[in-house]
Amino acid sequence: MEALKGIEPIHTIAARHQVHPMQVSKWKKEAAAGLPEVFARKPGAEARASKDREKELFEEIGRLKMELEWLKKKVGSIGD
């Protein structure tokens, strides 16, 4: 990211991170070429499936909390 921002020279960034300046240049070139594609992609089916699974899990948590509260009330009323 530092190399992409261009605030400091590449050799300074390389020295700070203890890598060769050519490696930093290579990473910068690869990142600049690939970033537009990364941000242009729409969320895939895997991301949608993950969101759906997350929704199901939150619903199950809600049901289980309700059941737990009901059971707590039942156990409390049995002792009375």
PDB file of N, CA and C in Angstrom:
ATOM      1  N   MET A   1       0.833  -1.191   0.000  1.00  0.00           N
ATOM      2  CA  MET A   1       0.000   0.000   0.000  1.00  0.00           C
ATOM      3  C   MET A   1       0.876   1.252   0.000  1.00  0.00           C
ATOM      4  N   GLU A   2       1.953   1.179   0.760  1.00  0.00           N
ATOM      5  CA  GLU A   2       2.840   2.334   0.821  1.00  0.00           C
ATOM      6  C   GLU A   2       3.413   2.652  -0.555  1.00  0.00           C
ATOM      7  N   ALA A   3       3.789   1.620  -1.272  1.00  0.00           N
ATOM      8  CA  ALA A   3       4.367   1.820  -2.604  1.00  0.00           C
ATOM      9  C   ALA A   3       3.324   2.377  -3.562  1.00  0.00           C
ATOM     10  N   LEU A   4       2.089   1.913  -3.448  1.00  0.00           N
ATOM     11  CA  LEU A   4       1.024   2.410  -4.321  1.00  0.00           C
ATOM     12  C   LEU A   4       0.717   3.874  -4.046  1.00  0.00           C
ATOM     13  N   LYS A   5       0.778   4.275  -2.792  1.00  0.00           N
ATOM     14  CA  LYS A   5       0.507   5.668  -2.443  1.00  0.00           C
ATOM     15  C   LYS A   5       1.581   6.597  -3.008  1.00  0.00           C
ATOM     16  N   GLY A   6       2.814   6.118  -3.079  1.00  0.00           N
ATOM     17  CA  GLY A   6       3.897   6.899  -3.665  1.00  0.00           C
ATOM     18  C   GLY A   6       4.394   8.032  -2.788  1.00  0.00           C
ATOM     19  N   ILE A   7       4.150   7.978  -1.494  1.00  0.00           N
ATOM     20  CA  ILE A   7       4.586   9.037  -0.591  1.00  0.00           C
ATOM     21  C   ILE A   7       6.086   8.973  -0.369  1.00  0.00           C
ATOM     22  N   GLU A   8       6.601   7.755  -0.248  1.00  0.00           N
ATOM     23  CA  GLU A   8       8.039   7.564  -0.033  1.00  0.00           C
ATOM     24  C   GLU A   8       8.635   6.810  -1.211  1.00  0.00           C
ATOM     25  N   PRO A   9       9.943   6.957  -1.426  1.00  0.00           N
ATOM     26  CA  PRO A   9      10.593   6.195  -2.491  1.00  0.00           C
ATOM     27  C   PRO A   9      10.567   4.692  -2.179  1.00  0.00           C
ATOM     28  N   ILE A  10      10.587   3.900  -3.228  1.00  0.00           N
ATOM     29  CA  ILE A  10      10.519   2.451  -3.084  1.00  0.00           C
ATOM     30  C   ILE A  10      11.687   1.907  -2.272  1.00  0.00           C
ATOM     31  N   HIS A  11      12.892   2.461  -2.463  1.00  0.00           N
ATOM     32  CA  HIS A  11      14.047   1.939  -1.726  1.00  0.00           C
ATOM     33  C   HIS A  11      13.903   2.172  -0.216  1.00  0.00           C
ATOM     34  N   THR A  12      13.232   3.238   0.186  1.00  0.00           N
ATOM     35  CA  THR A  12      13.003   3.503   1.605  1.00  0.00           C
ATOM     36  C   THR A  12      12.015   2.479   2.187  1.00  0.00           C
ATOM     37  N   ILE A  13      10.970   2.215   1.438  1.00  0.00           N
ATOM     38  CA  ILE A  13       9.971   1.236   1.866  1.00  0.00           C
ATOM     39  C   ILE A  13      10.616  -0.143   1.968  1.00  0.00           C
ATOM     40  N   ALA A  14      11.416  -0.494   0.972  1.00  0.00           N
ATOM     41  CA  ALA A  14      12.085  -1.799   0.964  1.00  0.00           C
ATOM     42  C   ALA A  14      13.024  -1.940   2.158  1.00  0.00           C
ATOM     43  N   ALA A  15      13.766  -0.902   2.465  1.00  0.00           N
ATOM     44  CA  ALA A  15      14.697  -0.964   3.597  1.00  0.00           C
ATOM     45  C   ALA A  15      13.936  -1.126   4.918  1.00  0.00           C
ATOM     46  N   ARG A  16      12.839  -0.431   5.071  1.00  0.00           N
ATOM     47  CA  ARG A  16      12.065  -0.506   6.301  1.00  0.00           C
ATOM     48  C   ARG A  16      11.504  -1.919   6.524  1.00  0.00           C
ATOM     49  N   HIS A  17      11.088  -2.569   5.451  1.00  0.00           N
ATOM     50  CA  HIS A  17      10.483  -3.893   5.558  1.00  0.00           C
ATOM     51  C   HIS A  17      11.480  -5.017   5.263  1.00  0.00           C
ATOM     52  N   GLN A  18      12.712  -4.667   5.064  1.00  0.00           N
ATOM     53  CA  GLN A  18      13.801  -5.605   4.843  1.00  0.00           C
ATOM     54  C   GLN A  18      13.547  -6.533   3.655  1.00  0.00           C
ATOM     55  N   VAL A  19      13.144  -5.940   2.538  1.00  0.00           N
ATOM     56  CA  VAL A  19      13.004  -6.679   1.287  1.00  0.00           C
ATOM     57  C   VAL A  19      13.757  -5.929   0.199  1.00  0.00           C
ATOM     58  N   HIS A  20      13.981  -6.587  -0.924  1.00  0.00           N
ATOM     59  CA  HIS A  20      14.708  -5.956  -2.034  1.00  0.00           C
ATOM     60  C   HIS A  20      13.785  -4.958  -2.740  1.00  0.00           C
ATOM     61  N   PRO A  21      14.322  -3.815  -3.165  1.00  0.00           N
ATOM     62  CA  PRO A  21      13.495  -2.820  -3.858  1.00  0.00           C
ATOM     63  C   PRO A  21      12.788  -3.371  -5.101  1.00  0.00           C
ATOM     64  N   MET A  22      13.420  -4.322  -5.788  1.00  0.00           N
ATOM     65  CA  MET A  22      12.781  -4.917  -6.967  1.00  0.00           C
ATOM     66  C   MET A  22      11.516  -5.683  -6.567  1.00  0.00           C
ATOM     67  N   GLN A  23      11.535  -6.295  -5.390  1.00  0.00           N
ATOM     68  CA  GLN A  23      10.360  -7.028  -4.917  1.00  0.00           C
ATOM     69  C   GLN A  23       9.210  -6.060  -4.656  1.00  0.00           C
ATOM     70  N   VAL A  24       9.524  -4.929  -4.046  1.00  0.00           N
ATOM     71  CA  VAL A  24       8.497  -3.919  -3.787  1.00  0.00           C
ATOM     72  C   VAL A  24       7.930  -3.408  -5.108  1.00  0.00           C
ATOM     73  N   SER A  25       8.794  -3.167  -6.079  1.00  0.00           N
ATOM     74  CA  SER A  25       8.339  -2.706  -7.394  1.00  0.00           C
ATOM     75  C   SER A  25       7.437  -3.737  -8.053  1.00  0.00           C
ATOM     76  N   LYS A  26       7.817  -5.019  -7.937  1.00  0.00           N
ATOM     77  CA  LYS A  26       7.017  -6.085  -8.525  1.00  0.00           C
ATOM     78  C   LYS A  26       5.644  -6.144  -7.866  1.00  0.00           C
ATOM     79  N   TRP A  27       5.618  -6.074  -6.523  1.00  0.00           N
ATOM     80  CA  TRP A  27       4.338  -6.101  -5.813  1.00  0.00           C
ATOM     81  C   TRP A  27       3.471  -4.910  -6.199  1.00  0.00           C
ATOM     82  N   LYS A  28       4.095  -3.760  -6.337  1.00  0.00           N
ATOM     83  CA  LYS A  28       3.360  -2.549  -6.706  1.00  0.00           C
ATOM     84  C   LYS A  28       2.721  -2.719  -8.086  1.00  0.00           C
ATOM     85  N   LYS A  29       3.484  -3.242  -9.024  1.00  0.00           N
ATOM     86  CA  LYS A  29       2.993  -3.434 -10.386  1.00  0.00           C
ATOM     87  C   LYS A  29       1.838  -4.452 -10.401  1.00  0.00           C
ATOM     88  N   GLU A  30       1.998  -5.553  -9.656  1.00  0.00           N
ATOM     89  CA  GLU A  30       0.949  -6.576  -9.597  1.00  0.00           C
ATOM     90  C   GLU A  30      -0.325  -6.032  -8.946  1.00  0.00           C
ATOM     91  N   ALA A  31      -0.161  -5.276  -7.887  1.00  0.00           N
ATOM     92  CA  ALA A  31      -1.326  -4.711  -7.190  1.00  0.00           C
ATOM     93  C   ALA A  31      -2.053  -3.718  -8.087  1.00  0.00           C
ATOM     94  N   ALA A  32      -1.307  -2.858  -8.757  1.00  0.00           N
ATOM     95  CA  ALA A  32      -1.919  -1.858  -9.631  1.00  0.00           C
ATOM     96  C   ALA A  32      -2.678  -2.526 -10.774  1.00  0.00           C
ATOM     97  N   ALA A  33      -2.174  -3.648 -11.252  1.00  0.00           N
ATOM     98  CA  ALA A  33      -2.842  -4.350 -12.347  1.00  0.00           C
ATOM     99  C   ALA A  33      -4.076  -5.106 -11.863  1.00  0.00           C
ATOM    100  N   GLY A  34      -4.054  -5.641 -10.638  1.00  0.00           N
ATOM    101  CA  GLY A  34      -5.137  -6.483 -10.162  1.00  0.00           C
ATOM    102  C   GLY A  34      -6.226  -5.792  -9.384  1.00  0.00           C
ATOM    103  N   LEU A  35      -5.953  -4.643  -8.800  1.00  0.00           N
ATOM    104  CA  LEU A  35      -6.950  -3.986  -7.947  1.00  0.00           C
ATOM    105  C   LEU A  35      -8.237  -3.600  -8.671  1.00  0.00           C
ATOM    106  N   PRO A  36      -8.180  -3.068  -9.882  1.00  0.00           N
ATOM    107  CA  PRO A  36      -9.450  -2.735 -10.542  1.00  0.00           C
ATOM    108  C   PRO A  36     -10.366  -3.953 -10.707  1.00  0.00           C
ATOM    109  N   GLU A  37      -9.788  -5.104 -10.998  1.00  0.00           N
ATOM    110  CA  GLU A  37     -10.583  -6.324 -11.159  1.00  0.00           C
ATOM    111  C   GLU A  37     -11.218  -6.744  -9.845  1.00  0.00           C
ATOM    112  N   VAL A  38     -10.482  -6.599  -8.759  1.00  0.00           N
ATOM    113  CA  VAL A  38     -10.991  -6.993  -7.442  1.00  0.00           C
ATOM    114  C   VAL A  38     -12.208  -6.157  -7.076  1.00  0.00           C
ATOM    115  N   PHE A  39     -12.150  -4.870  -7.314  1.00  0.00           N
ATOM    116  CA  PHE A  39     -13.256  -3.997  -6.926  1.00  0.00           C
ATOM    117  C   PHE A  39     -14.393  -4.002  -7.936  1.00  0.00           C
ATOM    118  N   ALA A  40     -14.159  -4.514  -9.123  1.00  0.00           N
ATOM    119  CA  ALA A  40     -15.208  -4.560 -10.136  1.00  0.00           C
ATOM    120  C   ALA A  40     -16.079  -5.797 -10.011  1.00  0.00           C
ATOM    121  N   ARG A  41     -15.583  -6.833  -9.340  1.00  0.00           N
ATOM    122  CA  ARG A  41     -16.328  -8.081  -9.213  1.00  0.00           C
ATOM    123  C   ARG A  41     -17.536  -7.929  -8.299  1.00  0.00           C
ATOM    124  N   LYS A  42     -18.594  -8.608  -8.677  1.00  0.00           N
ATOM    125  CA  LYS A  42     -19.781  -8.665  -7.829  1.00  0.00           C
ATOM    126  C   LYS A  42     -19.599  -9.820  -6.854  1.00  0.00           C
ATOM    127  N   PRO A  43     -20.232  -9.733  -5.706  1.00  0.00           N
ATOM    128  CA  PRO A  43     -20.141 -10.853  -4.771  1.00  0.00           C
ATOM    129  C   PRO A  43     -20.632 -12.141  -5.432  1.00  0.00           C
ATOM    130  N   GLY A  44     -19.880 -13.186  -5.263  1.00  0.00           N
ATOM    131  CA  GLY A  44     -20.217 -14.453  -5.899  1.00  0.00           C
ATOM    132  C   GLY A  44     -21.240 -15.247  -5.122  1.00  0.00           C
ATOM    133  N   ALA A  45     -21.513 -16.418  -5.644  1.00  0.00           N
ATOM    134  CA  ALA A  45     -22.490 -17.306  -5.014  1.00  0.00           C
ATOM    135  C   ALA A  45     -22.026 -17.719  -3.631  1.00  0.00           C
ATOM    136  N   GLU A  46     -20.725 -17.853  -3.469  1.00  0.00           N
ATOM    137  CA  GLU A  46     -20.186 -18.244  -2.163  1.00  0.00           C
ATOM    138  C   GLU A  46     -20.487 -17.187  -1.105  1.00  0.00           C
ATOM    139  N   ALA A  47     -20.368 -15.918  -1.479  1.00  0.00           N
ATOM    140  CA  ALA A  47     -20.650 -14.831  -0.539  1.00  0.00           C
ATOM    141  C   ALA A  47     -22.141 -14.817  -0.179  1.00  0.00           C
ATOM    142  N   ARG A  48     -22.985 -15.047  -1.175  1.00  0.00           N
ATOM    143  CA  ARG A  48     -24.428 -15.083  -0.914  1.00  0.00           C
ATOM    144  C   ARG A  48     -24.796 -16.263  -0.016  1.00  0.00           C
ATOM    145  N   ALA A  49     -24.176 -17.402  -0.271  1.00  0.00           N
ATOM    146  CA  ALA A  49     -24.446 -18.582   0.555  1.00  0.00           C
ATOM    147  C   ALA A  49     -24.001 -18.341   1.989  1.00  0.00           C
ATOM    148  N   SER A  50     -22.893 -17.654   2.145  1.00  0.00           N
ATOM    149  CA  SER A  50     -22.389 -17.333   3.479  1.00  0.00           C
ATOM    150  C   SER A  50     -23.357 -16.409   4.216  1.00  0.00           C
ATOM    151  N   LYS A  51     -23.884 -15.420   3.516  1.00  0.00           N
ATOM    152  CA  LYS A  51     -24.862 -14.509   4.124  1.00  0.00           C
ATOM    153  C   LYS A  51     -26.132 -15.251   4.518  1.00  0.00           C
ATOM    154  N   ASP A  52     -26.582 -16.155   3.645  1.00  0.00           N
ATOM    155  CA  ASP A  52     -27.781 -16.933   3.954  1.00  0.00           C
ATOM    156  C   ASP A  52     -27.554 -17.806   5.182  1.00  0.00           C
ATOM    157  N   ARG A  53     -26.397 -18.442   5.261  1.00  0.00           N
ATOM    158  CA  ARG A  53     -26.068 -19.298   6.404  1.00  0.00           C
ATOM    159  C   ARG A  53     -26.017 -18.463   7.690  1.00  0.00           C
ATOM    160  N   GLU A  54     -25.430 -17.273   7.583  1.00  0.00           N
ATOM    161  CA  GLU A  54     -25.357 -16.377   8.738  1.00  0.00           C
ATOM    162  C   GLU A  54     -26.760 -16.006   9.218  1.00  0.00           C
ATOM    163  N   LYS A  55     -27.641 -15.721   8.293  1.00  0.00           N
ATOM    164  CA  LYS A  55     -29.026 -15.383   8.649  1.00  0.00           C
ATOM    165  C   LYS A  55     -29.700 -16.549   9.363  1.00  0.00           C
ATOM    166  N   GLU A  56     -29.520 -17.765   8.814  1.00  0.00           N
ATOM    167  CA  GLU A  56     -30.102 -18.951   9.443  1.00  0.00           C
ATOM    168  C   GLU A  56     -29.572 -19.135  10.861  1.00  0.00           C
ATOM    169  N   LEU A  57     -28.284 -18.934  11.053  1.00  0.00           N
ATOM    170  CA  LEU A  57     -27.687 -19.116  12.370  1.00  0.00           C
ATOM    171  C   LEU A  57     -28.206 -18.098  13.376  1.00  0.00           C
ATOM    172  N   PHE A  58     -28.365 -16.853  12.951  1.00  0.00           N
ATOM    173  CA  PHE A  58     -28.909 -15.840  13.852  1.00  0.00           C
ATOM    174  C   PHE A  58     -30.352 -16.161  14.230  1.00  0.00           C
ATOM    175  N   GLU A  59     -31.120 -16.669  13.273  1.00  0.00           N
ATOM    176  CA  GLU A  59     -32.496 -17.068  13.578  1.00  0.00           C
ATOM    177  C   GLU A  59     -32.514 -18.213  14.589  1.00  0.00           C
ATOM    178  N   GLU A  60     -31.617 -19.176  14.409  1.00  0.00           N
ATOM    179  CA  GLU A  60     -31.541 -20.302  15.340  1.00  0.00           C
ATOM    180  C   GLU A  60     -31.129 -19.827  16.736  1.00  0.00           C
ATOM    181  N   ILE A  61     -30.209 -18.893  16.803  1.00  0.00           N
ATOM    182  CA  ILE A  61     -29.803 -18.335  18.096  1.00  0.00           C
ATOM    183  C   ILE A  61     -31.001 -17.695  18.780  1.00  0.00           C
ATOM    184  N   GLY A  62     -31.790 -16.947  18.032  1.00  0.00           N
ATOM    185  CA  GLY A  62     -32.983 -16.316  18.594  1.00  0.00           C
ATOM    186  C   GLY A  62     -33.966 -17.336  19.139  1.00  0.00           C
ATOM    187  N   ARG A  63     -34.199 -18.408  18.356  1.00  0.00           N
ATOM    188  CA  ARG A  63     -35.116 -19.468  18.817  1.00  0.00           C
ATOM    189  C   ARG A  63     -34.594 -20.124  20.084  1.00  0.00           C
ATOM    190  N   LEU A  64     -33.302 -20.427  20.106  1.00  0.00           N
ATOM    191  CA  LEU A  64     -32.719 -21.089  21.271  1.00  0.00           C
ATOM    192  C   LEU A  64     -32.768 -20.203  22.511  1.00  0.00           C
ATOM    193  N   LYS A  65     -32.575 -18.914  22.339  1.00  0.00           N
ATOM    194  CA  LYS A  65     -32.682 -17.994  23.477  1.00  0.00           C
ATOM    195  C   LYS A  65     -34.102 -17.987  24.031  1.00  0.00           C
ATOM    196  N   MET A  66     -35.085 -17.977  23.131  1.00  0.00           N
ATOM    197  CA  MET A  66     -36.480 -18.001  23.571  1.00  0.00           C
ATOM    198  C   MET A  66     -36.785 -19.291  24.320  1.00  0.00           C
ATOM    199  N   GLU A  67     -36.308 -20.421  23.795  1.00  0.00           N
ATOM    200  CA  GLU A  67     -36.536 -21.703  24.464  1.00  0.00           C
ATOM    201  C   GLU A  67     -35.866 -21.728  25.833  1.00  0.00           C
ATOM    202  N   LEU A  68     -34.673 -21.185  25.926  1.00  0.00           N
ATOM    203  CA  LEU A  68     -33.952 -21.154  27.198  1.00  0.00           C
ATOM    204  C   LEU A  68     -34.713 -20.324  28.228  1.00  0.00           C
ATOM    205  N   GLU A  69     -35.197 -19.173  27.832  1.00  0.00           N
ATOM    206  CA  GLU A  69     -35.968 -18.333  28.748  1.00  0.00           C
ATOM    207  C   GLU A  69     -37.242 -19.050  29.190  1.00  0.00           C
ATOM    208  N   TRP A  70     -37.926 -19.738  28.269  1.00  0.00           N
ATOM    209  CA  TRP A  70     -39.134 -20.482  28.604  1.00  0.00           C
ATOM    210  C   TRP A  70     -38.823 -21.583  29.615  1.00  0.00           C
ATOM    211  N   LEU A  71     -37.718 -22.311  29.366  1.00  0.00           N
ATOM    212  CA  LEU A  71     -37.327 -23.379  30.286  1.00  0.00           C
ATOM    213  C   LEU A  71     -36.963 -22.836  31.666  1.00  0.00           C
ATOM    214  N   LYS A  72     -36.293 -21.693  31.703  1.00  0.00           N
ATOM    215  CA  LYS A  72     -35.947 -21.076  32.989  1.00  0.00           C
ATOM    216  C   LYS A  72     -37.218 -20.736  33.769  1.00  0.00           C
ATOM    217  N   LYS A  73     -38.216 -20.213  33.069  1.00  0.00           N
ATOM    218  CA  LYS A  73     -39.472 -19.868  33.727  1.00  0.00           C
ATOM    219  C   LYS A  73     -40.182 -21.121  34.229  1.00  0.00           C
ATOM    220  N   LYS A  74     -40.188 -22.183  33.426  1.00  0.00           N
ATOM    221  CA  LYS A  74     -40.837 -23.437  33.816  1.00  0.00           C
ATOM    222  C   LYS A  74     -40.169 -24.045  35.042  1.00  0.00           C
ATOM    223  N   VAL A  75     -38.830 -24.063  35.053  1.00  0.00           N
ATOM    224  CA  VAL A  75     -38.102 -24.631  36.181  1.00  0.00           C
ATOM    225  C   VAL A  75     -38.343 -23.782  37.426  1.00  0.00           C
ATOM    226  N   GLY A  76     -38.411 -22.487  37.264  1.00  0.00           N
ATOM    227  CA  GLY A  76     -38.668 -21.606  38.390  1.00  0.00           C
ATOM    228  C   GLY A  76     -40.058 -21.789  38.953  1.00  0.00           C
ATOM    229  N   SER A  77     -41.039 -22.050  38.086  1.00  0.00           N
ATOM    230  CA  SER A  77     -42.415 -22.208  38.558  1.00  0.00           C
ATOM    231  C   SER A  77     -42.651 -23.586  39.197  1.00  0.00           C
ATOM    232  N   ILE A  78     -41.842 -24.559  38.867  1.00  0.00           N
ATOM    233  CA  ILE A  78     -41.977 -25.904  39.447  1.00  0.00           C
ATOM    234  C   ILE A  78     -41.589 -25.868  40.932  1.00  0.00           C
ATOM    235  N   GLY A  79     -40.590 -25.095  41.274  1.00  0.00           N
ATOM    236  CA  GLY A  79     -40.140 -25.005  42.648  1.00  0.00           C
ATOM    237  C   GLY A  79     -41.100 -24.239  43.552  1.00  0.00           C
ATOM    238  N   ASP A  80     -42.056 -23.501  42.993  1.00  0.00           N
ATOM    239  CA  ASP A  80     -42.987 -22.700  43.809  1.00  0.00           C
ATOM    240  C   ASP A  80     -44.103 -23.492  44.370  1.00  0.00           C
TER     241      ASP A  80
END
